[in-house]
C-alpha atoms as a PDB file:
ATOM      1  CA  GLN A   1      -0.008   0.252   0.056  1.00  0.00           C
ATOM      2  CA  VAL A   2       1.552   3.282  -1.088  1.00  0.00           C
ATOM      3  CA  GLN A   3       0.178   6.632   0.510  1.00  0.00           C
ATOM      4  CA  LEU A   4       1.031  10.489  -0.436  1.00  0.00           C
ATOM      5  CA  VAL A   5       0.592  12.807   2.095  1.00  0.00           C
ATOM      6  CA  GLU A   6       0.547  16.488   0.842  1.00  0.00           C
ATOM      7  CA  SER A   7       0.556  19.969   2.960  1.00  0.00           C
ATOM      8  CA  GLY A   8       1.632  23.491   2.998  1.00  0.00           C
ATOM      9  CA  GLY A   9      -1.039  24.867   1.595  1.00  0.00           C
ATOM     10  CA  GLY A  10      -3.721  28.287   2.667  1.00  0.00           C
ATOM     11  CA  LEU A  11      -4.706  31.611   1.259  1.00  0.00           C
ATOM     12  CA  VAL A  12      -2.071  33.969   0.667  1.00  0.00           C
ATOM     13  CA  GLN A  13      -2.144  37.659  -0.649  1.00  0.00           C
ATOM     14  CA  PRO A  14      -1.043  37.598  -4.671  1.00  0.00           C
ATOM     15  CA  GLY A  15       2.556  38.367  -4.743  1.00  0.00           C
ATOM     16  CA  GLY A  16       2.923  36.037  -1.860  1.00  0.00           C
ATOM     17  CA  SER A  17       4.497  32.472  -1.586  1.00  0.00           C
ATOM     18  CA  LEU A  18       3.808  29.073  -0.590  1.00  0.00           C
ATOM     19  CA  ARG A  19       5.623  25.947  -0.602  1.00  0.00           C
ATOM     20  CA  LEU A  20       4.086  22.376  -0.651  1.00  0.00           C
ATOM     21  CA  SER A  21       5.358  19.725   0.302  1.00  0.00           C
ATOM     22  CA  CYS A  22       4.767  15.589  -0.401  1.00  0.00           C
ATOM     23  CA  ALA A  23       5.569  12.751   1.013  1.00  0.00           C
ATOM     24  CA  ALA A  24       5.088   9.356   0.035  1.00  0.00           C
ATOM     25  CA  SER A  25       5.001   6.408   2.243  1.00  0.00           C
ATOM     26  CA  GLY A  26       4.335   2.785   2.188  1.00  0.00           C
ATOM     27  CA  SER A  27       6.163  -0.191   0.096  1.00  0.00           C
ATOM     28  CA  ILE A  28       8.101   1.837  -2.086  1.00  0.00           C
ATOM     29  CA  PHE A  29      11.071   0.019  -3.842  1.00  0.00           C
ATOM     30  CA  ARG A  30      11.710   3.197  -6.409  1.00  0.00           C
ATOM     31  CA  ILE A  31       9.749   6.692  -6.997  1.00  0.00           C
ATOM     32  CA  ASN A  32      10.338   7.490 -10.496  1.00  0.00           C
ATOM     33  CA  THR A  33       9.064  10.981 -12.004  1.00  0.00           C
ATOM     34  CA  MET A  34       6.794  13.102  -9.149  1.00  0.00           C
ATOM     35  CA  GLY A  35       4.761  16.010 -10.182  1.00  0.00           C
ATOM     36  CA  TRP A  36       2.185  18.748  -9.200  1.00  0.00           C
ATOM     37  CA  TYR A  37      -1.201  18.924 -11.122  1.00  0.00           C
ATOM     38  CA  ARG A  38      -3.513  21.757 -10.195  1.00  0.00           C
ATOM     39  CA  GLN A  39      -7.758  21.688 -10.762  1.00  0.00           C
ATOM     40  CA  ALA A  40      -9.055  25.184 -10.737  1.00  0.00           C
ATOM     41  CA  PRO A  41     -13.231  25.374 -10.307  1.00  0.00           C
ATOM     42  CA  GLY A  42     -14.274  24.321 -13.670  1.00  0.00           C
ATOM     43  CA  LYS A  43     -11.242  23.324 -15.313  1.00  0.00           C
ATOM     44  CA  GLU A  44      -9.065  20.388 -15.914  1.00  0.00           C
ATOM     45  CA  ARG A  45      -6.348  19.261 -14.511  1.00  0.00           C
ATOM     46  CA  GLU A  46      -3.321  20.424 -15.917  1.00  0.00           C
ATOM     47  CA  LEU A  47       0.639  19.976 -15.347  1.00  0.00           C
ATOM     48  CA  VAL A  48       2.171  22.358 -13.019  1.00  0.00           C
ATOM     49  CA  ALA A  49       5.396  21.166 -12.767  1.00  0.00           C
ATOM     50  CA  SER A  50       7.388  17.355 -12.725  1.00  0.00           C
ATOM     51  CA  ILE A  51      10.780  16.071 -11.397  1.00  0.00           C
ATOM     52  CA  THR A  52      12.554  12.638 -12.699  1.00  0.00           C
ATOM     53  CA  LYS A  53      14.500  11.117 -10.231  1.00  0.00           C
ATOM     54  CA  THR A  54      17.746  12.470 -11.703  1.00  0.00           C
ATOM     55  CA  SER A  55      16.146  15.779 -10.828  1.00  0.00           C
ATOM     56  CA  THR A  56      15.504  17.154 -14.642  1.00  0.00           C
ATOM     57  CA  THR A  57      12.422  19.472 -14.247  1.00  0.00           C
ATOM     58  CA  ASN A  58       9.517  20.454 -16.482  1.00  0.00           C
ATOM     59  CA  TYR A  59       7.021  23.394 -16.246  1.00  0.00           C
ATOM     60  CA  ALA A  60       3.921  24.438 -17.684  1.00  0.00           C
ATOM     61  CA  ASP A  61       4.490  28.025 -19.067  1.00  0.00           C
ATOM     62  CA  SER A  62       2.307  29.525 -16.466  1.00  0.00           C
ATOM     63  CA  VAL A  63       4.428  29.350 -13.893  1.00  0.00           C
ATOM     64  CA  GLU A  64       7.974  29.124 -15.203  1.00  0.00           C
ATOM     65  CA  GLY A  65      10.114  31.432 -13.447  1.00  0.00           C
ATOM     66  CA  ARG A  66       7.715  31.534 -10.233  1.00  0.00           C
ATOM     67  CA  PHE A  67       7.525  27.950  -9.544  1.00  0.00           C
ATOM     68  CA  THR A  68      10.162  25.497  -8.746  1.00  0.00           C
ATOM     69  CA  ILE A  69       9.963  22.320  -8.011  1.00  0.00           C
ATOM     70  CA  SER A  70      12.552  20.000  -5.966  1.00  0.00           C
ATOM     71  CA  ARG A  71      13.089  16.201  -4.169  1.00  0.00           C
ATOM     72  CA  ASP A  72      14.644  14.738  -1.031  1.00  0.00           C
ATOM     73  CA  ASN A  73      14.928  10.910  -2.401  1.00  0.00           C
ATOM     74  CA  PRO A  74      15.906   9.632   1.047  1.00  0.00           C
ATOM     75  CA  LYS A  75      12.889  11.384   2.519  1.00  0.00           C
ATOM     76  CA  ASN A  76      10.278  10.498  -0.442  1.00  0.00           C
ATOM     77  CA  THR A  77       9.408  13.552  -0.600  1.00  0.00           C
ATOM     78  CA  VAL A  78       8.292  16.507  -3.509  1.00  0.00           C
ATOM     79  CA  TYR A  79       8.290  20.179  -2.895  1.00  0.00           C
ATOM     80  CA  LEU A  80       6.842  22.755  -4.728  1.00  0.00           C
ATOM     81  CA  GLN A  81       8.344  26.421  -3.771  1.00  0.00           C
ATOM     82  CA  MET A  82       5.692  28.584  -5.041  1.00  0.00           C
ATOM     83  CA  ASN A  83       6.382  32.678  -5.588  1.00  0.00           C
ATOM     84  CA  SER A  84       5.339  35.843  -6.979  1.00  0.00           C
ATOM     85  CA  LEU A  85       1.645  34.086  -6.927  1.00  0.00           C
ATOM     86  CA  LYS A  86      -1.439  35.358  -8.589  1.00  0.00           C
ATOM     87  CA  PRO A  87      -5.370  34.848  -8.398  1.00  0.00           C
ATOM     88  CA  GLU A  88      -5.166  32.544 -11.358  1.00  0.00           C
ATOM     89  CA  ASP A  89      -2.776  30.156  -9.322  1.00  0.00           C
ATOM     90  CA  THR A  90      -5.753  29.527  -7.108  1.00  0.00           C
ATOM     91  CA  ALA A  91      -6.827  25.831  -7.157  1.00  0.00           C
ATOM     92  CA  VAL A  92      -6.496  22.513  -5.324  1.00  0.00           C
ATOM     93  CA  TYR A  93      -2.947  21.084  -6.120  1.00  0.00           C
ATOM     94  CA  TYR A  94      -2.537  17.450  -6.254  1.00  0.00           C
ATOM     95  CA  CYS A  95       0.671  15.259  -5.794  1.00  0.00           C
ATOM     96  CA  ASN A  96       1.768  12.975  -8.138  1.00  0.00           C
ATOM     97  CA  ALA A  97       4.102   9.923  -7.960  1.00  0.00           C
ATOM     98  CA  ASN A  98       5.134   6.997 -10.647  1.00  0.00           C
ATOM     99  CA  ILE A  99       5.489   4.301  -8.027  1.00  0.00           C
ATOM    100  CA  ASP A 100       7.664   1.146  -8.425  1.00  0.00           C
ATOM    101  CA  THR A 101       6.372  -1.166  -5.575  1.00  0.00           C
ATOM    102  CA  ILE A 102       8.463  -4.187  -6.964  1.00  0.00           C
ATOM    103  CA  THR A 103       4.896  -6.236  -8.149  1.00  0.00           C
ATOM    104  CA  ARG A 104       4.044  -3.085 -10.001  1.00  0.00           C
ATOM    105  CA  ILE A 105       4.623   0.205 -11.273  1.00  0.00           C
ATOM    106  CA  LEU A 106       1.616   2.649 -11.094  1.00  0.00           C
ATOM    107  CA  ASP A 107       1.000   6.274 -10.645  1.00  0.00           C
ATOM    108  CA  TYR A 108      -0.632   7.212  -7.230  1.00  0.00           C
ATOM    109  CA  TRP A 109      -2.413  10.500  -5.927  1.00  0.00           C
ATOM    110  CA  GLY A 110      -2.507  12.767  -3.226  1.00  0.00           C
ATOM    111  CA  GLN A 111      -5.293  13.967  -1.697  1.00  0.00           C
ATOM    112  CA  GLY A 112      -5.217  17.359  -3.164  1.00  0.00           C
ATOM    113  CA  THR A 113      -4.242  20.710  -1.221  1.00  0.00           C
ATOM    114  CA  GLN A 114      -6.186  23.943  -1.058  1.00  0.00           C
ATOM    115  CA  VAL A 115      -4.224  27.079  -2.758  1.00  0.00           C
ATOM    116  CA  THR A 116      -6.269  30.162  -2.865  1.00  0.00           C
ATOM    117  CA  VAL A 117      -4.303  33.431  -3.748  1.00  0.00           C
ATOM    118  CA  SER A 118      -6.804  36.596  -2.855  1.00  0.00           C
ATOM    119  CA  SER A 119      -6.685  40.075  -1.528  1.00  0.00           C
END
C-alpha cells in the first residue's frame, strides 16, 4: 500500500509565497517521476511541474520562473515552492508520483491541498 500525503496549502495574498510538500510512504522500491498538478473550479486538471528521479525538471509556461519543484529522494518527498503568486494560481493542487513497488509500477495521487490567492 502506497500513500501520498500533501501539506502546505492555504490562503495567501497576490505576490506572496507558499511551499507545498508531498511525502510518499508504504511499500516503495523506487520512485520515478514526481509532479504537481492543479485543478481550478470548472477547469481540467493540468500539469504544473514535474521532476525525474535524476532531478530533470519541467514546468508549465504559466508558472515558469515563479515556481520551483524539488525532491528529497531519501525522504521520498517532493516540494513545490511557489513565489509571486497570482489569483489565477488558485486551485486544488495534487501531488503525483510514479512508483515501483516491485510487483507493479503505478501512478499514485495525493488527496489534494487548496491554494487560494486573494486579497
